[in-house]
Structure formats: structure tokens, C-alpha cells
């Protein structure tokens, strides 16, 4: 069964390109989340569900 699934991954160039692409996206998301100045934004967003409706 494993051989049946792996026979579609014969093009090494595409699989390596996809691996690099997904890794770069993962690193980009990590840098986006932990960028400087984002702590205040996340703290504010975490308190929104707890605030009462002011209207």
C-alpha cells in the first residue's frame, strides 16, 4: 500500500520545491507572529472576548 501511494511522488524536483516552499512559509509565519511590537496587539486581541458590549 505504501508503494502505491509513493509512486505518484516520482518527480523529485517538485517534491523538493514544495518542501522548501512550505518551510519558507512556516518561517515567515513564525517571524510574523514573533515580530517586535506584536505583543501589545495580541494582548489586546486576547481581551476582546472578555469585554462587555459597550453599546
C-alpha atoms as a PDB file:
ATOM      1  CA  UNK A   1       0.000   0.000   0.000  1.00  0.00           C
ATOM      2  CA  UNK A   2       2.877   2.351   0.752  1.00  0.00           C
ATOM      3  CA  UNK A   3       4.340   1.739  -2.705  1.00  0.00           C
ATOM      4  CA  UNK A   4       1.010   2.623  -4.303  1.00  0.00           C
ATOM      5  CA  UNK A   5       0.992   5.978  -2.567  1.00  0.00           C
ATOM      6  CA  UNK A   6       4.646   6.758  -3.196  1.00  0.00           C
ATOM      7  CA  UNK A   7       4.557   6.014  -6.922  1.00  0.00           C
ATOM      8  CA  UNK A   8       2.992   9.447  -7.502  1.00  0.00           C
ATOM      9  CA  UNK A   9       5.999  11.193  -5.906  1.00  0.00           C
ATOM     10  CA  UNK A  10       8.482  10.228  -8.599  1.00  0.00           C
ATOM     11  CA  UNK A  11       9.317  13.811  -9.604  1.00  0.00           C
ATOM     12  CA  UNK A  12      11.972  14.773  -7.048  1.00  0.00           C
ATOM     13  CA  UNK A  13      12.222  18.382  -8.304  1.00  0.00           C
ATOM     14  CA  UNK A  14       8.577  19.140  -7.476  1.00  0.00           C
ATOM     15  CA  UNK A  15       8.661  17.473  -4.053  1.00  0.00           C
ATOM     16  CA  UNK A  16      11.841  19.332  -3.093  1.00  0.00           C
ATOM     17  CA  UNK A  17      10.376  22.611  -4.315  1.00  0.00           C
ATOM     18  CA  UNK A  18       7.223  22.029  -2.274  1.00  0.00           C
ATOM     19  CA  UNK A  19       9.285  21.195   0.814  1.00  0.00           C
ATOM     20  CA  UNK A  20      11.315  24.397   0.504  1.00  0.00           C
ATOM     21  CA  UNK A  21       8.185  26.451  -0.181  1.00  0.00           C
ATOM     22  CA  UNK A  22       6.300  25.129   2.836  1.00  0.00           C
ATOM     23  CA  UNK A  23       9.364  25.566   5.053  1.00  0.00           C
ATOM     24  CA  UNK A  24       9.735  29.193   3.953  1.00  0.00           C
ATOM     25  CA  UNK A  25       6.034  29.816   4.631  1.00  0.00           C
ATOM     26  CA  UNK A  26       6.457  28.254   8.088  1.00  0.00           C
ATOM     27  CA  UNK A  27       9.414  30.522   8.830  1.00  0.00           C
ATOM     28  CA  UNK A  28       7.510  33.551   7.526  1.00  0.00           C
ATOM     29  CA  UNK A  29       4.555  32.850   9.804  1.00  0.00           C
ATOM     30  CA  UNK A  30       6.934  32.395  12.737  1.00  0.00           C
ATOM     31  CA  UNK A  31       8.615  35.725  12.075  1.00  0.00           C
ATOM     32  CA  UNK A  32       5.219  37.401  11.625  1.00  0.00           C
ATOM     33  CA  UNK A  33       3.921  36.118  14.961  1.00  0.00           C
ATOM     34  CA  UNK A  34       7.054  36.955  16.949  1.00  0.00           C
ATOM     35  CA  UNK A  35       7.850  40.320  15.325  1.00  0.00           C
ATOM     36  CA  UNK A  36       8.632  43.266  17.549  1.00  0.00           C
ATOM     37  CA  UNK A  37       5.641  45.282  18.679  1.00  0.00           C
ATOM     38  CA  UNK A  38       3.123  42.478  18.228  1.00  0.00           C
ATOM     39  CA  UNK A  39       2.849  41.667  21.938  1.00  0.00           C
ATOM     40  CA  UNK A  40       0.525  44.596  22.606  1.00  0.00           C
ATOM     41  CA  UNK A  41      -1.692  43.646  19.669  1.00  0.00           C
ATOM     42  CA  UNK A  42      -2.043  40.038  20.837  1.00  0.00           C
ATOM     43  CA  UNK A  43      -2.696  41.171  24.408  1.00  0.00           C
ATOM     44  CA  UNK A  44      -5.478  43.477  23.189  1.00  0.00           C
ATOM     45  CA  UNK A  45      -6.979  40.766  20.965  1.00  0.00           C
ATOM     46  CA  UNK A  46      -6.932  38.230  23.822  1.00  0.00           C
ATOM     47  CA  UNK A  47      -9.031  40.551  25.991  1.00  0.00           C
ATOM     48  CA  UNK A  48     -11.755  41.208  23.383  1.00  0.00           C
ATOM     49  CA  UNK A  49     -13.912  38.148  24.191  1.00  0.00           C
ATOM     50  CA  UNK A  50     -13.921  39.133  27.877  1.00  0.00           C
ATOM     51  CA  UNK A  51     -15.074  42.739  27.398  1.00  0.00           C
ATOM     52  CA  UNK A  52     -18.733  43.570  27.826  1.00  0.00           C
ATOM     53  CA  UNK A  53     -20.621  45.184  24.963  1.00  0.00           C
ATOM     54  CA  UNK A  54     -20.442  48.946  25.438  1.00  0.00           C
ATOM     55  CA  UNK A  55     -23.318  49.828  23.099  1.00  0.00           C
END
